[in-house]
Amino acid sequence: MEWKTEDILKVITGSGLLTLLSTIVARAMGWIRFGKVDKARVGKVEAETAIDIATVAQKRISDEVKISDAALQWNINLASQLEKANILNDKKQAENDRLHGIIDTMKRDFEVAFEKLKSEFNRRIKELEAEFEKSKNDFIKEREENREEIKRLKAEINGHRR
């Protein structure tokens, strides 16, 4: 048998049309028969995906809330510790101020006592100097008197010897 070009074209065209027609019919039958099931499956997958996304978002929000709560608690604890430290610092500052007051009082008392002691010391020195001057003058006077007496006695001795 010999194939003519027309026959070949008929076979190719016929088989192509048959293939195309069978594909269209098969798809149409699948769409009609399985379309609702496919849409339901797609809807189910979309719903599961939405639930998964919502679960992830809820988990993320829950984690952020936990982190925020932990940070808030940390801040509260830190603020409490800082308040305690400030109270302790205020007490230490009050103690320092009290000690400075005592030191200032001691300095003033010492200066007053020192001035009194210095004044008393200077008074006593002046009294001692006055006593020393009196003693010195008395000594000089006595020496002069003794010299006069020695001169008189020498003159008397010299006068008896002659």
Protein backbone atom coordinates (compact mmCIF):
# COMPACT_ATOMS: atom_id res chain seq x y z
CA MET A 1 0.00 0.00 0.00
CA GLU A 2 1.22 3.24 -0.87
CA TRP A 3 0.61 6.27 1.13
CA LYS A 4 -0.31 9.40 -0.52
CA THR A 5 0.26 12.78 0.89
CA GLU A 6 -3.40 13.33 1.26
CA ASP A 7 -3.83 10.13 3.19
CA ILE A 8 -0.97 11.01 5.49
CA LEU A 9 -2.49 14.42 6.06
CA LYS A 10 -5.85 12.85 6.78
CA VAL A 11 -4.37 10.40 9.26
CA ILE A 12 -2.32 13.09 11.01
CA THR A 13 -5.21 15.54 11.03
CA GLY A 14 -7.70 12.89 12.08
CA SER A 15 -5.51 11.50 14.83
CA GLY A 16 -4.63 15.05 15.98
CA LEU A 17 -8.26 15.97 16.08
CA LEU A 18 -9.11 12.76 17.85
CA THR A 19 -6.36 13.35 20.41
CA LEU A 20 -7.44 16.91 20.91
CA LEU A 21 -11.07 15.94 21.25
CA SER A 22 -10.30 13.10 23.65
CA THR A 23 -8.12 15.42 25.77
CA ILE A 24 -10.85 18.03 25.90
CA VAL A 25 -13.45 15.43 26.83
CA ALA A 26 -11.16 13.88 29.46
CA ARG A 27 -10.43 17.21 31.01
CA ALA A 28 -14.05 18.22 30.93
CA MET A 29 -15.02 14.96 32.59
CA GLY A 30 -12.31 15.40 35.22
CA TRP A 31 -13.30 18.95 35.86
CA ILE A 32 -16.89 18.04 36.20
CA ARG A 33 -16.27 14.91 38.19
CA PHE A 34 -13.30 16.00 40.36
CA GLY A 35 -13.64 19.81 40.26
CA LYS A 36 -15.65 20.06 43.48
CA VAL A 37 -13.35 17.64 45.27
CA ASP A 38 -10.30 19.55 44.07
CA LYS A 39 -11.83 22.86 45.16
CA ALA A 40 -12.63 21.32 48.54
CA ARG A 41 -9.07 20.01 48.88
CA VAL A 42 -7.63 23.38 47.84
CA GLY A 43 -9.96 25.10 50.33
CA LYS A 44 -8.89 22.64 53.02
CA VAL A 45 -5.21 23.25 52.26
CA GLU A 46 -5.81 27.01 52.24
CA ALA A 47 -7.65 26.76 55.57
CA GLU A 48 -4.88 24.60 57.08
CA THR A 49 -2.32 27.09 55.76
CA ALA A 50 -4.28 29.99 57.27
CA ILE A 51 -4.50 28.09 60.58
CA ASP A 52 -0.74 27.41 60.47
CA ILE A 53 -0.04 31.08 59.70
CA ALA A 54 -2.39 32.14 62.52
CA THR A 55 -0.72 29.65 64.88
CA VAL A 56 2.72 31.00 63.97
CA ALA A 57 1.49 34.58 64.41
CA GLN A 58 -0.13 33.66 67.74
CA LYS A 59 3.11 31.98 68.86
CA ARG A 60 5.12 35.03 67.79
CA ILE A 61 2.73 37.36 69.63
CA SER A 62 2.82 35.06 72.66
CA ASP A 63 6.64 35.07 72.57
CA GLU A 64 6.68 38.86 72.24
CA VAL A 65 4.29 39.15 75.20
CA LYS A 66 6.53 36.84 77.24
CA ILE A 67 9.61 38.86 76.26
CA SER A 68 7.81 42.11 77.08
CA ASP A 69 6.68 40.69 80.44
CA ALA A 70 10.23 39.53 81.19
CA ALA A 71 11.64 42.93 80.21
CA LEU A 72 9.02 44.70 82.32
CA GLN A 73 9.77 42.46 85.30
CA TRP A 74 13.50 43.07 84.82
CA ASN A 75 12.86 46.83 84.71
CA ILE A 76 10.72 46.61 87.85
CA ASN A 77 13.43 44.64 89.65
CA LEU A 78 16.11 47.05 88.47
CA ALA A 79 14.05 50.05 89.55
CA SER A 80 13.50 48.45 92.95
CA GLN A 81 17.22 47.78 93.36
CA LEU A 82 18.04 51.33 92.27
CA GLU A 83 15.54 52.71 94.79
CA LYS A 84 17.16 50.62 97.53
CA ALA A 85 20.61 51.79 96.39
CA ASN A 86 19.42 55.42 96.41
CA ILE A 87 18.02 55.02 99.92
CA LEU A 88 21.33 53.51 101.03
CA ASN A 89 23.24 56.32 99.30
CA ASP A 90 21.01 58.89 101.01
CA LYS A 91 21.74 57.27 104.38
CA LYS A 92 25.47 57.25 103.63
CA GLN A 93 25.30 60.90 102.56
CA ALA A 94 23.43 61.79 105.76
CA GLU A 95 26.11 59.95 107.77
CA ASN A 96 28.85 61.79 105.84
CA ASP A 97 27.11 65.11 106.53
CA ARG A 98 26.82 64.20 110.22
CA LEU A 99 30.52 63.29 110.37
CA HIS A 100 31.47 66.53 108.61
CA GLY A 101 29.39 68.40 111.19
CA ILE A 102 31.22 66.62 114.01
CA ILE A 103 34.59 67.39 112.38
CA ASP A 104 33.64 71.08 111.99
CA THR A 105 32.50 71.23 115.62
CA MET A 106 35.74 69.57 116.75
CA LYS A 107 37.78 72.08 114.70
CA ARG A 108 35.89 75.03 116.21
CA ASP A 109 36.21 73.57 119.71
CA PHE A 110 39.90 72.94 119.15
CA GLU A 111 40.45 76.45 117.83
CA VAL A 112 38.63 77.92 120.84
CA ALA A 113 40.48 75.63 123.23
CA PHE A 114 43.76 76.34 121.46
CA GLU A 115 43.17 80.09 121.63
CA LYS A 116 42.37 79.77 125.35
CA LEU A 117 45.42 77.57 125.89
CA LYS A 118 47.59 79.94 123.87
CA SER A 119 46.23 82.93 125.75
CA GLU A 120 46.80 81.17 129.07
CA PHE A 121 50.29 80.12 127.96
CA ASN A 122 51.16 83.68 126.88
CA ARG A 123 49.78 85.05 130.19
CA ARG A 124 51.84 82.59 132.20
CA ILE A 125 54.94 83.33 130.10
CA LYS A 126 54.44 87.05 130.73
CA GLU A 127 54.03 86.33 134.45
CA LEU A 128 57.19 84.21 134.41
CA GLU A 129 59.05 86.91 132.46
CA ALA A 130 57.84 89.49 134.99
CA GLU A 131 58.96 87.26 137.85
CA PHE A 132 62.26 86.66 136.09
CA GLU A 133 62.71 90.40 135.55
CA LYS A 134 61.86 91.04 139.21
CA SER A 135 64.25 88.28 140.30
CA LYS A 136 66.95 89.66 138.01
CA ASN A 137 66.44 93.18 139.33
CA ASP A 138 66.48 91.87 142.89
CA PHE A 139 69.66 89.93 142.09
CA ILE A 140 71.28 93.02 140.54
CA LYS A 141 70.19 95.10 143.51
CA GLU A 142 71.53 92.50 145.93
CA ARG A 143 74.79 92.29 144.02
CA GLU A 144 75.13 96.05 144.08
CA GLU A 145 74.39 96.01 147.79
CA ASN A 146 76.93 93.22 148.27
CA ARG A 147 79.52 95.18 146.29
CA GLU A 148 78.83 98.22 148.37
CA GLU A 149 79.12 96.12 151.49
CA ILE A 150 82.37 94.56 150.18
CA LYS A 151 83.73 98.06 149.46
CA ARG A 152 82.73 99.22 152.89
CA LEU A 153 84.22 96.11 154.50
CA LYS A 154 87.42 96.48 152.47
CA ALA A 155 87.60 100.08 153.43
CA GLU A 156 87.06 99.13 157.08
CA ILE A 157 89.63 96.34 156.85
CA ASN A 158 92.07 98.61 155.11
CA GLY A 159 91.38 101.25 157.70
CA HIS A 160 92.14 98.87 160.60
CA ARG A 161 95.26 97.64 159.06
CA ARG A 162 96.94 100.87 158.78
